[in-house]
N, C-alpha and C. Protein backbone atom coordinates (compact mmCIF):
# COMPACT_ATOMS: atom_id res chain seq x y z
N UNK A 1 146.21 112.42 67.22
CA UNK A 1 145.16 111.75 66.61
C UNK A 1 145.53 110.52 66.14
N UNK A 2 144.61 109.33 66.39
CA UNK A 2 144.96 108.04 65.97
C UNK A 2 144.78 107.85 64.55
N UNK A 3 145.59 106.97 63.93
CA UNK A 3 145.46 106.59 62.60
C UNK A 3 144.69 105.42 62.36
N UNK A 4 143.42 105.44 61.92
CA UNK A 4 142.44 104.36 61.95
C UNK A 4 143.12 103.25 60.95
N UNK A 5 143.68 103.57 59.62
CA UNK A 5 144.10 102.74 58.81
C UNK A 5 145.31 101.95 59.44
N UNK A 6 146.24 102.68 60.03
CA UNK A 6 147.38 102.11 60.78
C UNK A 6 146.99 101.30 62.00
N UNK A 7 145.89 101.53 62.76
CA UNK A 7 145.54 100.70 63.78
C UNK A 7 144.98 99.39 63.22
N UNK A 8 144.16 99.47 62.18
CA UNK A 8 143.57 98.36 61.58
C UNK A 8 144.67 97.45 60.95
N UNK A 9 145.61 97.97 60.35
CA UNK A 9 146.80 97.22 59.70
C UNK A 9 147.56 96.39 60.94
N UNK A 10 147.74 97.07 62.08
CA UNK A 10 148.43 96.38 63.04
C UNK A 10 147.54 95.15 63.76
N UNK A 11 146.16 95.50 63.76
CA UNK A 11 145.38 94.37 64.35
C UNK A 11 145.40 93.14 63.40
N UNK A 12 145.40 93.42 62.09
CA UNK A 12 145.48 92.38 61.08
C UNK A 12 146.89 91.67 61.29
N UNK A 13 147.89 92.44 61.54
CA UNK A 13 149.24 91.83 61.59
C UNK A 13 149.27 90.86 62.97
N UNK A 14 148.60 91.34 63.95
CA UNK A 14 148.77 90.45 65.25
C UNK A 14 147.78 89.31 65.18
N UNK A 15 146.65 89.19 64.13
CA UNK A 15 145.75 88.17 64.02
C UNK A 15 146.63 86.80 63.53
N UNK A 16 146.26 85.72 64.20
CA UNK A 16 146.83 84.47 63.79
C UNK A 16 146.40 84.06 62.35
N UNK A 17 147.14 83.27 61.76
CA UNK A 17 146.73 82.74 60.48
C UNK A 17 145.91 81.61 60.62
N UNK A 18 145.18 81.40 59.63
CA UNK A 18 144.35 80.07 59.66
C UNK A 18 145.20 78.86 59.77
N UNK A 19 144.66 77.73 60.22
CA UNK A 19 145.33 76.50 60.36
C UNK A 19 145.65 76.03 58.88
N UNK A 20 144.92 76.17 57.96
CA UNK A 20 145.18 75.76 56.54
C UNK A 20 146.44 76.50 56.09
N UNK A 21 146.40 77.77 56.39
CA UNK A 21 147.58 78.66 55.89
C UNK A 21 148.92 78.03 56.62
N UNK A 22 148.83 77.78 57.92
CA UNK A 22 150.04 77.38 58.68
C UNK A 22 150.39 76.06 58.17
N UNK A 23 149.45 75.09 57.90
CA UNK A 23 149.76 73.95 57.30
C UNK A 23 150.43 73.90 55.95
N UNK A 24 149.98 74.93 55.15
CA UNK A 24 150.46 75.14 53.78
C UNK A 24 152.04 75.55 53.95
N UNK A 25 152.23 76.50 54.75
CA UNK A 25 153.63 76.99 55.07
C UNK A 25 154.46 75.91 55.54
N UNK A 26 153.96 75.13 56.57
CA UNK A 26 154.97 74.05 57.01
C UNK A 26 155.10 73.00 55.97
N UNK A 27 154.16 72.70 55.12
CA UNK A 27 154.44 71.72 54.09
C UNK A 27 155.30 72.16 53.13
N UNK A 28 155.39 73.34 52.71
CA UNK A 28 156.41 74.17 51.77
C UNK A 28 157.82 74.06 52.49
N UNK A 29 157.76 74.17 53.75
CA UNK A 29 159.06 74.34 54.44
C UNK A 29 159.76 72.80 54.66
N UNK A 30 158.89 71.86 54.90
CA UNK A 30 159.31 70.33 54.82
C UNK A 30 159.86 69.95 53.42
N UNK A 31 159.05 70.42 52.36
CA UNK A 31 159.45 70.25 51.02
C UNK A 31 160.80 70.72 50.67
N UNK A 32 160.97 71.85 51.23
CA UNK A 32 162.54 72.46 50.98
C UNK A 32 163.46 71.71 51.74
N UNK A 33 163.18 71.28 52.93
CA UNK A 33 164.11 70.44 53.73
C UNK A 33 164.47 69.25 52.93
N UNK A 34 163.45 68.44 52.51
CA UNK A 34 163.62 67.25 51.89
C UNK A 34 164.45 67.49 50.60
N UNK A 35 164.06 68.53 49.76
CA UNK A 35 164.79 68.77 48.61
C UNK A 35 166.36 68.95 49.01
N UNK A 36 166.58 69.93 49.89
CA UNK A 36 167.98 70.21 50.28
C UNK A 36 168.73 68.85 50.59
N UNK A 37 168.08 67.95 51.37
CA UNK A 37 168.85 66.85 51.87
C UNK A 37 169.20 65.89 50.75
N UNK A 38 168.11 65.83 49.74
CA UNK A 38 168.25 64.97 48.53
C UNK A 38 169.40 65.53 47.72
N UNK A 39 169.35 66.83 47.55
CA UNK A 39 170.48 67.38 46.93
C UNK A 39 171.78 67.39 47.40
N UNK A 40 171.83 67.02 48.85
CA UNK A 40 173.13 66.74 49.50
C UNK A 40 173.47 65.42 49.51
N UNK A 41 172.72 64.48 48.89
CA UNK A 41 173.05 63.23 48.54
C UNK A 41 172.62 62.10 49.61
N UNK A 42 171.76 62.64 50.53
CA UNK A 42 171.26 61.81 51.57
C UNK A 42 169.98 60.83 51.15
N UNK A 43 170.05 59.64 51.63
CA UNK A 43 169.10 58.70 51.32
C UNK A 43 167.81 58.87 51.99
N UNK A 44 166.71 59.12 51.31
CA UNK A 44 165.60 59.49 51.95
C UNK A 44 164.85 58.28 53.03
N UNK A 45 165.41 57.16 52.70
CA UNK A 45 165.05 56.07 53.64
C UNK A 45 165.81 56.25 54.90
N UNK A 46 166.79 57.03 54.88
CA UNK A 46 167.54 57.17 56.27
C UNK A 46 167.08 58.53 57.09
N UNK A 47 166.44 59.51 56.25
CA UNK A 47 166.14 60.70 57.11
C UNK A 47 164.70 60.93 57.25
N UNK A 48 163.72 60.35 56.44
CA UNK A 48 162.35 60.81 56.48
C UNK A 48 161.66 60.55 57.74
N UNK A 49 162.04 59.53 58.46
CA UNK A 49 161.42 59.14 59.74
C UNK A 49 162.00 60.25 60.85
N UNK A 50 163.03 60.93 60.61
CA UNK A 50 163.56 61.97 61.43
C UNK A 50 162.90 63.35 61.41
N UNK A 51 162.13 63.43 60.33
CA UNK A 51 161.56 64.84 60.05
C UNK A 51 160.10 64.84 60.68
N UNK A 52 159.97 66.05 61.17
CA UNK A 52 158.49 66.31 61.81
C UNK A 52 157.56 66.07 60.81
N UNK A 53 156.15 65.90 61.28
CA UNK A 53 154.97 65.95 60.38
C UNK A 53 154.76 67.41 60.08
N UNK A 54 153.85 67.64 59.19
CA UNK A 54 153.27 68.95 59.04
C UNK A 54 152.84 69.52 60.30
N UNK A 55 151.74 68.80 60.89
CA UNK A 55 151.27 69.32 61.99
C UNK A 55 152.03 69.66 63.20
N UNK A 56 153.25 68.75 63.38
CA UNK A 56 154.25 68.82 64.30
C UNK A 56 155.09 70.17 64.16
N UNK A 57 155.27 70.44 62.75
CA UNK A 57 156.11 71.58 62.38
C UNK A 57 155.19 72.70 62.64
N UNK A 58 153.90 72.84 62.44
CA UNK A 58 153.12 74.00 62.83
C UNK A 58 153.21 74.19 64.28
N UNK A 59 152.96 73.09 65.08
CA UNK A 59 153.03 73.32 66.66
C UNK A 59 154.28 74.03 67.10
N UNK A 60 155.47 73.47 66.30
CA UNK A 60 156.89 74.13 66.87
C UNK A 60 156.84 75.52 66.34
N UNK A 61 156.29 75.89 65.15
CA UNK A 61 156.11 77.21 64.76
C UNK A 61 155.31 78.13 65.79
N UNK A 62 154.18 77.54 66.21
CA UNK A 62 153.46 78.46 67.03
C UNK A 62 154.15 78.53 68.36
N UNK A 63 154.91 77.57 68.85
CA UNK A 63 155.62 77.56 70.04
C UNK A 63 156.74 78.59 69.92
N UNK A 64 157.37 78.65 68.84
CA UNK A 64 158.51 79.49 68.58
C UNK A 64 157.82 80.90 68.67
N UNK A 65 156.64 81.12 68.16
CA UNK A 65 156.17 82.55 68.12
C UNK A 65 155.76 82.87 69.62
N UNK A 66 155.33 81.96 70.35
CA UNK A 66 155.10 82.21 71.77
C UNK A 66 156.39 82.47 72.50
N UNK A 67 157.40 81.86 72.36
CA UNK A 67 158.76 82.29 72.86
C UNK A 67 159.33 83.57 72.55
N UNK A 68 159.02 83.88 71.23
CA UNK A 68 159.46 85.19 70.77
C UNK A 68 158.59 86.35 71.33
N UNK A 69 157.33 86.07 71.71
CA UNK A 69 156.44 87.07 72.27
C UNK A 69 156.81 87.18 73.82
N UNK A 70 157.52 86.24 74.44
CA UNK A 70 158.02 86.26 75.80
C UNK A 70 159.43 86.76 75.86
N UNK A 71 159.83 87.39 74.75
CA UNK A 71 161.14 88.04 74.98
C UNK A 71 162.35 86.95 74.55
N UNK A 72 161.87 85.94 73.93
CA UNK A 72 162.98 85.04 73.59
C UNK A 72 163.38 84.00 74.63
N UNK A 73 162.81 83.98 75.87
CA UNK A 73 162.95 83.24 76.88
C UNK A 73 162.35 81.82 76.84
N UNK A 74 163.32 80.81 76.62
CA UNK A 74 162.75 79.47 76.42
C UNK A 74 161.97 78.99 77.69
N UNK A 75 160.89 78.29 77.44
CA UNK A 75 159.88 77.89 78.63
C UNK A 75 160.60 76.65 79.40
N UNK A 76 160.36 76.81 80.70
CA UNK A 76 160.78 75.52 81.52
C UNK A 76 159.68 74.47 81.15
N UNK A 77 159.75 73.25 81.77
CA UNK A 77 159.04 72.11 81.38
C UNK A 77 157.54 72.54 81.69
N UNK A 78 157.29 73.19 82.79
CA UNK A 78 155.81 73.48 83.22
C UNK A 78 155.10 74.49 82.05
N UNK A 79 156.00 75.53 81.70
CA UNK A 79 155.43 76.37 80.75
C UNK A 79 155.30 75.84 79.41
N UNK A 80 156.33 74.92 79.06
CA UNK A 80 156.21 74.33 77.74
C UNK A 80 155.00 73.46 77.59
N UNK A 81 154.54 72.78 78.65
CA UNK A 81 153.17 72.06 78.69
C UNK A 81 152.05 72.97 78.51
N UNK A 82 152.05 73.87 79.15
CA UNK A 82 151.09 74.96 79.10
C UNK A 82 150.94 75.73 77.68
N UNK A 83 152.12 75.97 77.17
CA UNK A 83 152.12 76.58 75.82
C UNK A 83 151.44 75.56 74.83
N UNK A 84 152.01 74.33 74.86
CA UNK A 84 151.49 73.43 74.01
C UNK A 84 150.02 73.13 74.18
N UNK A 85 149.62 72.94 75.38
CA UNK A 85 148.17 72.85 75.68
C UNK A 85 147.46 73.94 75.23
N UNK A 86 147.74 75.21 75.23
CA UNK A 86 147.16 76.18 74.65
C UNK A 86 147.06 76.22 73.17
N UNK A 87 148.05 75.76 72.57
CA UNK A 87 147.91 75.65 71.02
C UNK A 87 147.00 74.48 70.78
N UNK A 88 146.95 73.41 71.42
CA UNK A 88 145.79 72.35 71.27
C UNK A 88 144.48 73.09 71.41
N UNK A 89 144.28 74.00 72.29
CA UNK A 89 142.99 74.54 72.55
C UNK A 89 142.67 75.65 71.60
N UNK A 90 143.55 76.11 71.04
CA UNK A 90 143.44 77.36 69.99
C UNK A 90 143.26 76.58 68.62
N UNK A 91 143.81 75.42 68.40
CA UNK A 91 143.84 74.67 67.17
C UNK A 91 143.41 73.29 67.38
N UNK A 92 142.30 72.95 67.71
CA UNK A 92 141.81 71.41 68.09
C UNK A 92 142.31 70.46 67.10
N UNK A 93 142.50 70.80 65.88
CA UNK A 93 143.01 69.78 64.92
C UNK A 93 144.45 69.38 65.15
N UNK A 94 145.11 70.24 65.85
CA UNK A 94 146.47 69.92 66.17
C UNK A 94 146.71 69.18 67.47
N UNK A 95 145.64 68.87 68.17
CA UNK A 95 145.86 68.16 69.38
C UNK A 95 146.53 66.74 69.32
N UNK A 96 146.29 66.05 68.28
CA UNK A 96 147.03 64.78 68.23
C UNK A 96 148.56 65.25 68.16
N UNK A 97 149.05 65.97 67.39
CA UNK A 97 150.39 66.31 67.31
C UNK A 97 150.74 66.97 68.57
N UNK A 98 150.01 67.69 69.25
CA UNK A 98 150.48 68.27 70.48
C UNK A 98 150.77 67.14 71.49
N UNK A 99 149.89 66.21 71.69
CA UNK A 99 149.99 65.14 72.65
C UNK A 99 151.22 64.28 72.14
N UNK A 100 151.48 64.03 70.85
CA UNK A 100 152.65 63.32 70.53
C UNK A 100 153.91 64.06 70.95
N UNK A 101 153.98 65.30 70.95
CA UNK A 101 155.16 66.07 71.26
C UNK A 101 155.16 66.16 72.69
N UNK A 102 154.14 65.99 73.43
CA UNK A 102 154.37 66.14 74.89
C UNK A 102 154.61 64.69 75.70
N UNK A 103 154.23 63.82 74.89
CA UNK A 103 154.41 62.37 75.35
C UNK A 103 155.92 61.91 75.06
N UNK A 104 156.03 60.60 75.38
CA UNK A 104 157.44 60.02 75.35
C UNK A 104 157.64 59.25 74.09
N UNK A 105 156.62 59.34 73.13
CA UNK A 105 156.94 58.74 71.84
C UNK A 105 157.62 59.62 70.97
N UNK A 106 158.35 59.02 69.93
CA UNK A 106 159.21 59.83 69.01
C UNK A 106 160.32 60.56 69.66
N UNK A 107 160.87 60.21 70.69
CA UNK A 107 161.99 60.78 71.36
C UNK A 107 163.35 60.49 70.81
N UNK A 108 163.30 59.62 69.73
CA UNK A 108 164.43 59.37 69.23
C UNK A 108 164.85 60.36 68.08
N UNK A 109 163.87 61.28 67.82
CA UNK A 109 164.11 62.23 66.74
C UNK A 109 165.09 63.38 67.37
N UNK A 110 165.97 63.94 66.64
CA UNK A 110 166.90 65.03 67.11
C UNK A 110 166.17 66.32 67.41
N UNK A 111 165.24 66.58 66.62
CA UNK A 111 164.43 67.92 66.88
C UNK A 111 163.45 67.90 67.87
N UNK A 112 163.11 66.64 68.58
CA UNK A 112 162.03 66.41 69.55
C UNK A 112 162.38 67.37 70.80
N UNK A 113 161.35 67.90 71.41
CA UNK A 113 161.66 68.72 72.57
C UNK A 113 161.87 67.82 73.83
N UNK A 114 161.57 66.54 73.77
CA UNK A 114 161.88 65.68 74.74
C UNK A 114 162.59 64.56 74.29
N UNK A 115 164.02 64.52 74.83
CA UNK A 115 164.87 63.53 74.22
C UNK A 115 165.35 62.68 75.49
N UNK A 116 165.13 61.40 75.29
CA UNK A 116 165.62 60.48 76.44
C UNK A 116 167.11 60.29 76.30
N UNK A 117 167.73 60.51 77.47
CA UNK A 117 169.18 60.42 77.50
C UNK A 117 169.69 59.12 78.00
N UNK A 118 168.94 58.38 78.72
CA UNK A 118 169.33 57.29 79.21
C UNK A 118 169.06 55.97 78.29
N UNK A 119 170.01 54.97 78.42
CA UNK A 119 169.94 53.98 77.36
C UNK A 119 169.07 52.77 77.89
N UNK A 120 168.38 53.00 78.89
CA UNK A 120 167.49 51.82 79.42
C UNK A 120 166.35 51.48 78.53
């Protein structure tokens, strides 16, 4: 016999969080990163431009969840595009961040998914 309380709990666990909650968690994570780097003696003028925005971090978090759901297999370029595009469709407010991450802008950042390797 099925456990209705257990089934309901599982549905709630699979349900995605609201964008506000995802942004709040990302903002907390960025605050911790900044704090750690400041405690390490780094100059904020040197590292702040290297950090992702809150929305970019949310997109990366959602992308990581997708990778985990796919058995941990990192996506190829085509799947990466589709995953990020689906994130933009699911969360329209993240569309500008998705397109920044898909484009060639900001490729100087170490964490960026697209890193230009040629010096031209």
